[in-house]
Amino acid sequence: MADLGENKVAGVFGGIEFGNENGQNQEINNIENAGTIRNQDLPVKRGFWSKFKAFWLQEIDWNKEIKVELTPYQQKVEDEVNEFLHQEITWGKVHDFLFQEVSFGKKKEQA
């Protein structure tokens, strides 16, 4: 196997050299951060999946009471659905529904 050893020449295989602008410390910092985006001021556009994950993975306090407020129309619809679902069903009502008279088309007048 080849002996890779150390990079003897700066700028080859990851050795990045910057000009000595503000002394040795600035040059070392630039080399450590080379190739990465470290600017925190970049604009971020949140996509669908990041919003989805943020919603579904949020922390929820299960001891907190949940209140749902409905508009008057929503409350009326909810009451009607609830009344329909909890109506009393008897055999007489089922029999009347199944054996009701059904007619198709227009009724002919008898003279």
N, C-alpha and C. Protein backbone atom coordinates (compact mmCIF):
# COMPACT_ATOMS: atom_id res chain seq x y z
N MET A 1 0.84 -1.17 0.00
CA MET A 1 0.00 0.00 0.00
C MET A 1 0.89 1.24 0.00
N ALA A 2 0.43 2.26 -0.64
CA ALA A 2 1.23 3.49 -0.75
C ALA A 2 1.25 4.22 0.57
N ASP A 3 2.35 4.82 0.89
CA ASP A 3 2.48 5.61 2.10
C ASP A 3 2.05 7.03 1.79
N LEU A 4 0.89 7.44 2.36
CA LEU A 4 0.38 8.78 2.06
C LEU A 4 1.13 9.85 2.82
N GLY A 5 1.45 9.56 4.06
CA GLY A 5 2.23 10.51 4.86
C GLY A 5 1.53 11.84 5.02
N GLU A 6 2.31 12.89 5.20
CA GLU A 6 1.75 14.23 5.36
C GLU A 6 1.82 14.97 4.03
N ASN A 7 0.96 15.97 3.91
CA ASN A 7 1.04 16.81 2.71
C ASN A 7 2.27 17.70 2.84
N LYS A 8 3.17 17.54 1.95
CA LYS A 8 4.39 18.34 2.00
C LYS A 8 4.19 19.69 1.33
N VAL A 9 3.17 19.75 0.44
CA VAL A 9 2.92 20.98 -0.28
C VAL A 9 1.56 21.51 0.14
N ALA A 10 1.49 22.76 0.57
CA ALA A 10 0.22 23.35 0.96
C ALA A 10 -0.66 23.50 -0.28
N GLY A 11 -1.96 23.24 -0.10
CA GLY A 11 -2.89 23.40 -1.20
C GLY A 11 -3.16 22.10 -1.93
N VAL A 12 -2.60 20.98 -1.51
CA VAL A 12 -2.80 19.71 -2.17
C VAL A 12 -3.58 18.78 -1.23
N PHE A 13 -4.64 18.15 -1.70
CA PHE A 13 -5.45 17.19 -0.94
C PHE A 13 -5.90 17.73 0.42
N GLY A 14 -6.55 18.86 0.41
CA GLY A 14 -7.15 19.40 1.63
C GLY A 14 -6.30 20.43 2.32
N GLY A 15 -5.06 20.57 1.99
CA GLY A 15 -4.27 21.62 2.59
C GLY A 15 -4.59 22.91 1.87
N ILE A 16 -5.31 23.81 2.50
CA ILE A 16 -5.75 25.04 1.86
C ILE A 16 -4.95 26.19 2.43
N GLU A 17 -4.45 27.01 1.56
CA GLU A 17 -3.62 28.11 2.03
C GLU A 17 -4.30 29.42 1.67
N PHE A 18 -4.42 30.29 2.65
CA PHE A 18 -4.98 31.62 2.45
C PHE A 18 -3.88 32.64 2.67
N GLY A 19 -4.04 33.78 2.09
CA GLY A 19 -3.06 34.83 2.29
C GLY A 19 -3.03 35.26 3.75
N ASN A 20 -1.92 35.69 4.23
CA ASN A 20 -1.76 36.09 5.62
C ASN A 20 -2.27 37.52 5.77
N GLU A 21 -3.61 37.67 5.93
CA GLU A 21 -4.24 38.99 6.01
C GLU A 21 -4.11 39.58 7.40
N ASN A 22 -4.58 38.85 8.41
CA ASN A 22 -4.62 39.39 9.77
C ASN A 22 -3.77 38.55 10.72
N GLY A 23 -2.74 38.00 10.28
CA GLY A 23 -1.88 37.23 11.16
C GLY A 23 -2.15 35.75 11.07
N GLN A 24 -1.42 34.99 11.84
CA GLN A 24 -1.47 33.53 11.80
C GLN A 24 -2.81 32.98 12.29
N ASN A 25 -3.43 33.57 13.32
CA ASN A 25 -4.70 33.05 13.88
C ASN A 25 -5.82 33.09 12.85
N GLN A 26 -5.91 34.15 12.08
CA GLN A 26 -6.94 34.27 11.04
C GLN A 26 -6.73 33.21 9.97
N GLU A 27 -5.49 32.94 9.63
CA GLU A 27 -5.19 31.95 8.60
C GLU A 27 -5.58 30.55 9.08
N ILE A 28 -5.31 30.21 10.32
CA ILE A 28 -5.68 28.90 10.87
C ILE A 28 -7.20 28.76 10.92
N ASN A 29 -7.90 29.81 11.33
CA ASN A 29 -9.37 29.79 11.39
C ASN A 29 -9.96 29.58 10.00
N ASN A 30 -9.41 30.23 8.99
CA ASN A 30 -9.90 30.07 7.63
C ASN A 30 -9.69 28.64 7.14
N ILE A 31 -8.57 28.05 7.48
CA ILE A 31 -8.29 26.69 7.04
C ILE A 31 -9.26 25.70 7.70
N GLU A 32 -9.58 25.88 8.98
CA GLU A 32 -10.50 24.98 9.67
C GLU A 32 -11.90 25.06 9.10
N ASN A 33 -12.33 26.25 8.66
CA ASN A 33 -13.69 26.44 8.16
C ASN A 33 -13.79 26.36 6.64
N ALA A 34 -12.73 25.99 5.99
CA ALA A 34 -12.73 25.95 4.53
C ALA A 34 -13.71 24.88 4.04
N GLY A 35 -14.49 25.22 3.05
CA GLY A 35 -15.40 24.25 2.45
C GLY A 35 -16.72 24.11 3.16
N THR A 36 -16.97 24.86 4.22
CA THR A 36 -18.25 24.78 4.92
C THR A 36 -18.93 26.13 4.87
N ILE A 37 -20.25 26.11 4.96
CA ILE A 37 -21.01 27.36 4.99
C ILE A 37 -21.28 27.68 6.44
N ARG A 38 -20.69 28.71 6.93
CA ARG A 38 -20.83 29.07 8.33
C ARG A 38 -21.59 30.38 8.51
N ASN A 39 -22.11 30.94 7.44
CA ASN A 39 -22.82 32.21 7.52
C ASN A 39 -24.23 31.97 8.04
N GLN A 40 -24.54 32.50 9.19
CA GLN A 40 -25.86 32.30 9.80
C GLN A 40 -26.91 33.26 9.22
N ASP A 41 -26.50 34.20 8.38
CA ASP A 41 -27.43 35.20 7.86
C ASP A 41 -28.05 34.78 6.53
N LEU A 42 -27.85 33.55 6.10
CA LEU A 42 -28.42 33.11 4.84
C LEU A 42 -29.94 32.98 4.96
N PRO A 43 -30.69 33.41 3.94
CA PRO A 43 -32.15 33.26 3.99
C PRO A 43 -32.52 31.78 3.87
N VAL A 44 -33.54 31.38 4.62
CA VAL A 44 -33.97 29.99 4.61
C VAL A 44 -35.43 29.94 4.19
N LYS A 45 -35.71 29.16 3.15
CA LYS A 45 -37.09 28.95 2.73
C LYS A 45 -37.49 27.57 3.25
N ARG A 46 -38.48 27.55 4.15
CA ARG A 46 -38.90 26.29 4.75
C ARG A 46 -39.77 25.53 3.76
N GLY A 47 -39.40 24.30 3.52
CA GLY A 47 -40.14 23.45 2.61
C GLY A 47 -41.26 22.72 3.31
N PHE A 48 -42.01 21.94 2.53
CA PHE A 48 -43.15 21.20 3.06
C PHE A 48 -42.74 20.22 4.14
N TRP A 49 -41.66 19.45 3.89
CA TRP A 49 -41.29 18.40 4.84
C TRP A 49 -40.76 18.96 6.14
N SER A 50 -40.07 20.09 6.09
CA SER A 50 -39.60 20.68 7.35
C SER A 50 -40.77 21.20 8.16
N LYS A 51 -41.79 21.76 7.50
CA LYS A 51 -42.98 22.20 8.22
C LYS A 51 -43.75 21.00 8.78
N PHE A 52 -43.84 19.92 7.99
CA PHE A 52 -44.53 18.71 8.40
C PHE A 52 -43.87 18.11 9.64
N LYS A 53 -42.54 17.98 9.60
CA LYS A 53 -41.81 17.42 10.73
C LYS A 53 -41.95 18.31 11.96
N ALA A 54 -41.89 19.63 11.76
CA ALA A 54 -42.01 20.55 12.90
C ALA A 54 -43.37 20.42 13.56
N PHE A 55 -44.42 20.20 12.76
CA PHE A 55 -45.76 20.06 13.33
C PHE A 55 -45.93 18.73 14.04
N TRP A 56 -45.55 17.63 13.41
CA TRP A 56 -45.79 16.30 13.98
C TRP A 56 -44.83 15.93 15.09
N LEU A 57 -43.67 16.57 15.14
CA LEU A 57 -42.69 16.24 16.16
C LEU A 57 -42.61 17.29 17.26
N GLN A 58 -43.60 18.14 17.35
CA GLN A 58 -43.58 19.17 18.38
C GLN A 58 -43.87 18.56 19.75
N GLU A 59 -43.37 19.20 20.78
CA GLU A 59 -43.62 18.76 22.14
C GLU A 59 -45.04 19.13 22.54
N ILE A 60 -45.75 18.17 23.14
CA ILE A 60 -47.14 18.39 23.54
C ILE A 60 -47.26 18.15 25.04
N ASP A 61 -47.89 19.09 25.73
CA ASP A 61 -48.16 18.92 27.15
C ASP A 61 -49.50 18.21 27.27
N TRP A 62 -49.46 16.91 27.59
CA TRP A 62 -50.67 16.09 27.62
C TRP A 62 -51.54 16.39 28.84
N ASN A 63 -51.03 17.14 29.79
CA ASN A 63 -51.81 17.49 30.98
C ASN A 63 -52.63 18.75 30.78
N LYS A 64 -52.39 19.45 29.69
CA LYS A 64 -53.09 20.70 29.41
C LYS A 64 -54.45 20.39 28.77
N GLU A 65 -55.48 21.13 29.19
CA GLU A 65 -56.83 20.93 28.65
C GLU A 65 -56.91 21.49 27.23
N ILE A 66 -57.58 20.76 26.35
CA ILE A 66 -57.75 21.18 24.97
C ILE A 66 -59.17 21.71 24.79
N LYS A 67 -59.29 22.92 24.29
CA LYS A 67 -60.60 23.52 24.06
C LYS A 67 -60.79 23.72 22.57
N VAL A 68 -61.97 23.35 22.08
CA VAL A 68 -62.32 23.56 20.69
C VAL A 68 -63.51 24.50 20.67
N GLU A 69 -63.36 25.63 19.99
CA GLU A 69 -64.44 26.59 19.89
C GLU A 69 -65.02 26.53 18.48
N LEU A 70 -66.34 26.40 18.41
CA LEU A 70 -67.02 26.29 17.12
C LEU A 70 -67.84 27.54 16.87
N THR A 71 -68.01 27.88 15.59
CA THR A 71 -68.91 28.96 15.23
C THR A 71 -70.34 28.44 15.41
N PRO A 72 -71.33 29.32 15.46
CA PRO A 72 -72.71 28.85 15.61
C PRO A 72 -73.13 27.86 14.51
N TYR A 73 -72.69 28.10 13.27
CA TYR A 73 -73.04 27.18 12.18
C TYR A 73 -72.37 25.83 12.38
N GLN A 74 -71.10 25.84 12.76
CA GLN A 74 -70.39 24.59 13.02
C GLN A 74 -71.04 23.82 14.17
N GLN A 75 -71.47 24.54 15.19
CA GLN A 75 -72.14 23.90 16.33
C GLN A 75 -73.46 23.28 15.90
N LYS A 76 -74.21 23.96 15.02
CA LYS A 76 -75.48 23.43 14.52
C LYS A 76 -75.25 22.14 13.74
N VAL A 77 -74.24 22.14 12.85
CA VAL A 77 -73.93 20.95 12.06
C VAL A 77 -73.49 19.82 12.98
N GLU A 78 -72.65 20.11 13.96
CA GLU A 78 -72.19 19.09 14.90
C GLU A 78 -73.35 18.49 15.68
N ASP A 79 -74.31 19.34 16.10
CA ASP A 79 -75.48 18.84 16.82
C ASP A 79 -76.33 17.91 15.94
N GLU A 80 -76.51 18.30 14.67
CA GLU A 80 -77.30 17.46 13.76
C GLU A 80 -76.62 16.12 13.49
N VAL A 81 -75.32 16.13 13.30
CA VAL A 81 -74.59 14.88 13.08
C VAL A 81 -74.66 14.01 14.32
N ASN A 82 -74.49 14.62 15.48
CA ASN A 82 -74.55 13.88 16.73
C ASN A 82 -75.95 13.27 16.94
N GLU A 83 -76.99 14.04 16.62
CA GLU A 83 -78.36 13.54 16.74
C GLU A 83 -78.60 12.37 15.78
N PHE A 84 -78.08 12.48 14.56
CA PHE A 84 -78.23 11.41 13.58
C PHE A 84 -77.52 10.13 14.04
N LEU A 85 -76.31 10.29 14.55
CA LEU A 85 -75.53 9.12 14.96
C LEU A 85 -76.11 8.43 16.20
N HIS A 86 -76.80 9.17 17.04
CA HIS A 86 -77.31 8.60 18.28
C HIS A 86 -78.83 8.42 18.28
N GLN A 87 -79.42 8.38 17.10
CA GLN A 87 -80.86 8.19 17.05
C GLN A 87 -81.21 6.74 17.43
N GLU A 88 -82.39 6.59 17.94
CA GLU A 88 -82.83 5.25 18.35
C GLU A 88 -83.32 4.50 17.11
N ILE A 89 -82.76 3.33 16.90
CA ILE A 89 -83.13 2.52 15.76
C ILE A 89 -83.94 1.34 16.25
N THR A 90 -85.14 1.20 15.70
CA THR A 90 -86.02 0.08 16.08
C THR A 90 -86.31 -0.76 14.85
N TRP A 91 -86.77 -1.97 15.08
CA TRP A 91 -87.10 -2.85 13.97
C TRP A 91 -88.23 -2.26 13.12
N GLY A 92 -89.15 -1.57 13.72
CA GLY A 92 -90.25 -0.95 12.97
C GLY A 92 -89.72 0.08 11.98
N LYS A 93 -88.76 0.91 12.39
CA LYS A 93 -88.18 1.91 11.49
C LYS A 93 -87.40 1.24 10.35
N VAL A 94 -86.65 0.18 10.68
CA VAL A 94 -85.88 -0.53 9.66
C VAL A 94 -86.83 -1.19 8.66
N HIS A 95 -87.91 -1.82 9.16
CA HIS A 95 -88.89 -2.48 8.30
C HIS A 95 -89.56 -1.47 7.37
N ASP A 96 -89.97 -0.32 7.93
CA ASP A 96 -90.62 0.70 7.12
C ASP A 96 -89.67 1.24 6.04
N PHE A 97 -88.39 1.38 6.36
CA PHE A 97 -87.42 1.88 5.39
C PHE A 97 -87.19 0.86 4.28
N LEU A 98 -87.02 -0.41 4.65
CA LEU A 98 -86.71 -1.43 3.65
C LEU A 98 -87.90 -1.76 2.74
N PHE A 99 -89.09 -1.66 3.26
CA PHE A 99 -90.27 -2.06 2.49
C PHE A 99 -91.13 -0.87 2.09
N GLN A 100 -90.51 0.27 1.90
CA GLN A 100 -91.28 1.43 1.44
C GLN A 100 -91.57 1.28 -0.06
N GLU A 101 -92.62 1.95 -0.50
CA GLU A 101 -93.01 1.87 -1.90
C GLU A 101 -92.07 2.73 -2.74
N VAL A 102 -91.53 2.13 -3.77
CA VAL A 102 -90.59 2.82 -4.66
C VAL A 102 -91.20 2.86 -6.05
N SER A 103 -91.18 4.05 -6.66
CA SER A 103 -91.69 4.16 -8.03
C SER A 103 -90.63 4.84 -8.88
N PHE A 104 -90.49 4.37 -10.10
CA PHE A 104 -89.52 4.93 -11.03
C PHE A 104 -90.27 5.65 -12.14
N GLY A 105 -89.77 6.80 -12.54
CA GLY A 105 -90.37 7.54 -13.64
C GLY A 105 -91.63 8.27 -13.20
N LYS A 106 -92.37 8.74 -14.22
CA LYS A 106 -93.59 9.49 -13.93
C LYS A 106 -94.75 8.52 -13.71
N LYS A 107 -95.63 8.93 -12.85
CA LYS A 107 -96.82 8.14 -12.59
C LYS A 107 -97.86 8.43 -13.67
N LYS A 108 -98.45 7.37 -14.22
CA LYS A 108 -99.50 7.55 -15.26
C LYS A 108 -100.82 7.87 -14.56
N GLU A 109 -101.52 8.80 -15.17
CA GLU A 109 -102.83 9.15 -14.61
C GLU A 109 -103.86 8.15 -15.08
N GLN A 110 -104.69 7.71 -14.16
CA GLN A 110 -105.77 6.78 -14.53
C GLN A 110 -107.04 7.58 -14.75
N ALA A 111 -107.76 7.22 -15.81
CA ALA A 111 -108.96 7.96 -16.15
C ALA A 111 -110.19 7.32 -15.56
